[in-house]
Amino acid sequence: MTRFLKAKDFLKKIQGLPEGKRKIILWSVVIAIGLALIVFWFLNIKQAVNSFDKGKFFEEMKLPDASQETDFAPSEDYDLPSYELFEEELKKLENE
């Protein structure tokens, strides 16, 4: 309970200060909290980078082996539209 009263007295003391000093106190607190958050963020990034397992990442990606030749021709299950389908439309556009 005494801590609450001390905090309340502290806030009343700040409220009694001129506006310029109150702004300085406000921005000082905002900057201090911002710096603390930035430091916390950088430490988390550093930990994430250090704990990153490159081998496991590539295993989970399941990328095809680069040494294997790949056939880019479409399979029988996948039909690409042929040029003949659009030939009539192209002729119409040319005539216009």
C-alpha atoms as a PDB file:
ATOM      1  CA  MET A   1       0.000   0.000   0.000  1.00  0.00           C
ATOM      2  CA  THR A   2       2.839   2.372   0.736  1.00  0.00           C
ATOM      3  CA  ARG A   3       4.320   1.712  -2.702  1.00  0.00           C
ATOM      4  CA  PHE A   4       1.037   2.792  -4.261  1.00  0.00           C
ATOM      5  CA  LEU A   5       1.054   5.991  -2.231  1.00  0.00           C
ATOM      6  CA  LYS A   6       4.652   6.684  -3.200  1.00  0.00           C
ATOM      7  CA  ALA A   7       3.812   6.200  -6.879  1.00  0.00           C
ATOM      8  CA  LYS A   8       0.778   8.422  -6.513  1.00  0.00           C
ATOM      9  CA  ASP A   9       2.858  11.135  -4.840  1.00  0.00           C
ATOM     10  CA  PHE A  10       5.471  10.805  -7.581  1.00  0.00           C
ATOM     11  CA  LEU A  11       2.813  11.257 -10.286  1.00  0.00           C
ATOM     12  CA  LYS A  12       1.397  14.314  -8.499  1.00  0.00           C
ATOM     13  CA  LYS A  13       4.901  15.761  -8.301  1.00  0.00           C
ATOM     14  CA  ILE A  14       5.362  15.253 -12.064  1.00  0.00           C
ATOM     15  CA  GLN A  15       1.936  16.780 -12.762  1.00  0.00           C
ATOM     16  CA  GLY A  16       3.025  19.870 -10.860  1.00  0.00           C
ATOM     17  CA  LEU A  17       6.049  20.431 -13.097  1.00  0.00           C
ATOM     18  CA  PRO A  18       5.965  22.852 -16.035  1.00  0.00           C
ATOM     19  CA  GLU A  19       4.842  21.433 -19.386  1.00  0.00           C
ATOM     20  CA  GLY A  20       8.349  21.538 -20.898  1.00  0.00           C
ATOM     21  CA  LYS A  21       9.814  19.362 -18.156  1.00  0.00           C
ATOM     22  CA  ARG A  22       6.882  16.945 -18.366  1.00  0.00           C
ATOM     23  CA  LYS A  23       7.495  16.549 -22.109  1.00  0.00           C
ATOM     24  CA  ILE A  24      11.181  15.865 -21.472  1.00  0.00           C
ATOM     25  CA  ILE A  25      10.285  13.199 -18.908  1.00  0.00           C
ATOM     26  CA  LEU A  26       7.705  11.650 -21.263  1.00  0.00           C
ATOM     27  CA  TRP A  27      10.075  11.450 -24.227  1.00  0.00           C
ATOM     28  CA  SER A  28      12.892  10.139 -22.033  1.00  0.00           C
ATOM     29  CA  VAL A  29      10.638   7.295 -20.846  1.00  0.00           C
ATOM     30  CA  VAL A  30       9.459   6.570 -24.402  1.00  0.00           C
ATOM     31  CA  ILE A  31      13.040   6.471 -25.706  1.00  0.00           C
ATOM     32  CA  ALA A  32      14.200   4.244 -22.839  1.00  0.00           C
ATOM     33  CA  ILE A  33      11.359   1.769 -23.428  1.00  0.00           C
ATOM     34  CA  GLY A  34      11.995   1.853 -27.191  1.00  0.00           C
ATOM     35  CA  LEU A  35      15.700   1.142 -26.732  1.00  0.00           C
ATOM     36  CA  ALA A  36      14.916  -1.738 -24.382  1.00  0.00           C
ATOM     37  CA  LEU A  37      12.520  -3.230 -26.923  1.00  0.00           C
ATOM     38  CA  ILE A  38      15.063  -2.852 -29.742  1.00  0.00           C
ATOM     39  CA  VAL A  39      17.755  -4.589 -27.664  1.00  0.00           C
ATOM     40  CA  PHE A  40      15.311  -7.388 -26.814  1.00  0.00           C
ATOM     41  CA  TRP A  41      14.386  -7.735 -30.510  1.00  0.00           C
ATOM     42  CA  PHE A  42      18.042  -7.926 -31.636  1.00  0.00           C
ATOM     43  CA  LEU A  43      18.816 -10.545 -28.993  1.00  0.00           C
ATOM     44  CA  ASN A  44      15.891 -12.658 -30.202  1.00  0.00           C
ATOM     45  CA  ILE A  45      17.041 -12.318 -33.820  1.00  0.00           C
ATOM     46  CA  LYS A  46      20.574 -13.312 -32.819  1.00  0.00           C
ATOM     47  CA  GLN A  47      19.263 -16.374 -30.993  1.00  0.00           C
ATOM     48  CA  ALA A  48      17.072 -17.352 -33.974  1.00  0.00           C
ATOM     49  CA  VAL A  49      19.989 -17.033 -36.407  1.00  0.00           C
ATOM     50  CA  ASN A  50      22.311 -19.035 -34.160  1.00  0.00           C
ATOM     51  CA  SER A  51      19.767 -21.817 -33.680  1.00  0.00           C
ATOM     52  CA  PHE A  52      18.928 -22.022 -37.409  1.00  0.00           C
ATOM     53  CA  ASP A  53      19.711 -25.491 -38.773  1.00  0.00           C
ATOM     54  CA  LYS A  54      20.541 -25.129 -42.459  1.00  0.00           C
ATOM     55  CA  GLY A  55      20.582 -28.868 -43.155  1.00  0.00           C
ATOM     56  CA  LYS A  56      17.194 -29.466 -41.599  1.00  0.00           C
ATOM     57  CA  PHE A  57      15.751 -26.476 -43.480  1.00  0.00           C
ATOM     58  CA  PHE A  58      16.780 -27.866 -46.870  1.00  0.00           C
ATOM     59  CA  GLU A  59      15.511 -31.332 -45.937  1.00  0.00           C
ATOM     60  CA  GLU A  60      12.093 -29.879 -45.129  1.00  0.00           C
ATOM     61  CA  MET A  61      12.040 -27.915 -48.399  1.00  0.00           C
ATOM     62  CA  LYS A  62      12.302 -31.185 -50.393  1.00  0.00           C
ATOM     63  CA  LEU A  63      13.981 -29.482 -53.333  1.00  0.00           C
ATOM     64  CA  PRO A  64      14.835 -31.659 -56.338  1.00  0.00           C
ATOM     65  CA  ASP A  65      18.450 -32.673 -56.731  1.00  0.00           C
ATOM     66  CA  ALA A  66      20.224 -30.281 -59.113  1.00  0.00           C
ATOM     67  CA  SER A  67      22.339 -33.084 -60.588  1.00  0.00           C
ATOM     68  CA  GLN A  68      19.275 -34.873 -61.964  1.00  0.00           C
ATOM     69  CA  GLU A  69      17.997 -34.000 -65.406  1.00  0.00           C
ATOM     70  CA  THR A  70      14.430 -32.863 -65.441  1.00  0.00           C
ATOM     71  CA  ASP A  71      11.915 -33.278 -68.212  1.00  0.00           C
ATOM     72  CA  PHE A  72       9.954 -30.081 -68.626  1.00  0.00           C
ATOM     73  CA  ALA A  73       7.603 -31.538 -71.214  1.00  0.00           C
ATOM     74  CA  PRO A  74       4.029 -31.655 -69.933  1.00  0.00           C
ATOM     75  CA  SER A  75       2.734 -35.038 -68.956  1.00  0.00           C
ATOM     76  CA  GLU A  76      -0.260 -36.675 -70.578  1.00  0.00           C
ATOM     77  CA  ASP A  77      -2.375 -35.702 -67.585  1.00  0.00           C
ATOM     78  CA  TYR A  78      -1.708 -32.018 -68.132  1.00  0.00           C
ATOM     79  CA  ASP A  79      -2.947 -30.606 -71.429  1.00  0.00           C
ATOM     80  CA  LEU A  80      -1.697 -27.248 -72.603  1.00  0.00           C
ATOM     81  CA  PRO A  81      -3.917 -25.330 -75.006  1.00  0.00           C
ATOM     82  CA  SER A  82      -2.616 -25.583 -78.517  1.00  0.00           C
ATOM     83  CA  TYR A  83      -1.881 -22.677 -80.802  1.00  0.00           C
ATOM     84  CA  GLU A  84      -4.615 -23.793 -83.203  1.00  0.00           C
ATOM     85  CA  LEU A  85      -7.296 -22.921 -80.665  1.00  0.00           C
ATOM     86  CA  PHE A  86      -6.323 -19.269 -80.791  1.00  0.00           C
ATOM     87  CA  GLU A  87      -5.589 -19.113 -84.505  1.00  0.00           C
ATOM     88  CA  GLU A  88      -9.101 -18.006 -85.446  1.00  0.00           C
ATOM     89  CA  GLU A  89      -9.075 -15.267 -82.830  1.00  0.00           C
ATOM     90  CA  LEU A  90      -5.721 -14.028 -84.106  1.00  0.00           C
ATOM     91  CA  LYS A  91      -7.053 -13.842 -87.661  1.00  0.00           C
ATOM     92  CA  LYS A  92     -10.041 -11.823 -86.450  1.00  0.00           C
ATOM     93  CA  LEU A  93      -7.725  -9.395 -84.675  1.00  0.00           C
ATOM     94  CA  GLU A  94      -5.532  -9.039 -87.760  1.00  0.00           C
ATOM     95  CA  ASN A  95      -8.562  -8.246 -89.923  1.00  0.00           C
ATOM     96  CA  GLU A  96      -9.819  -5.525 -87.575  1.00  0.00           C
END
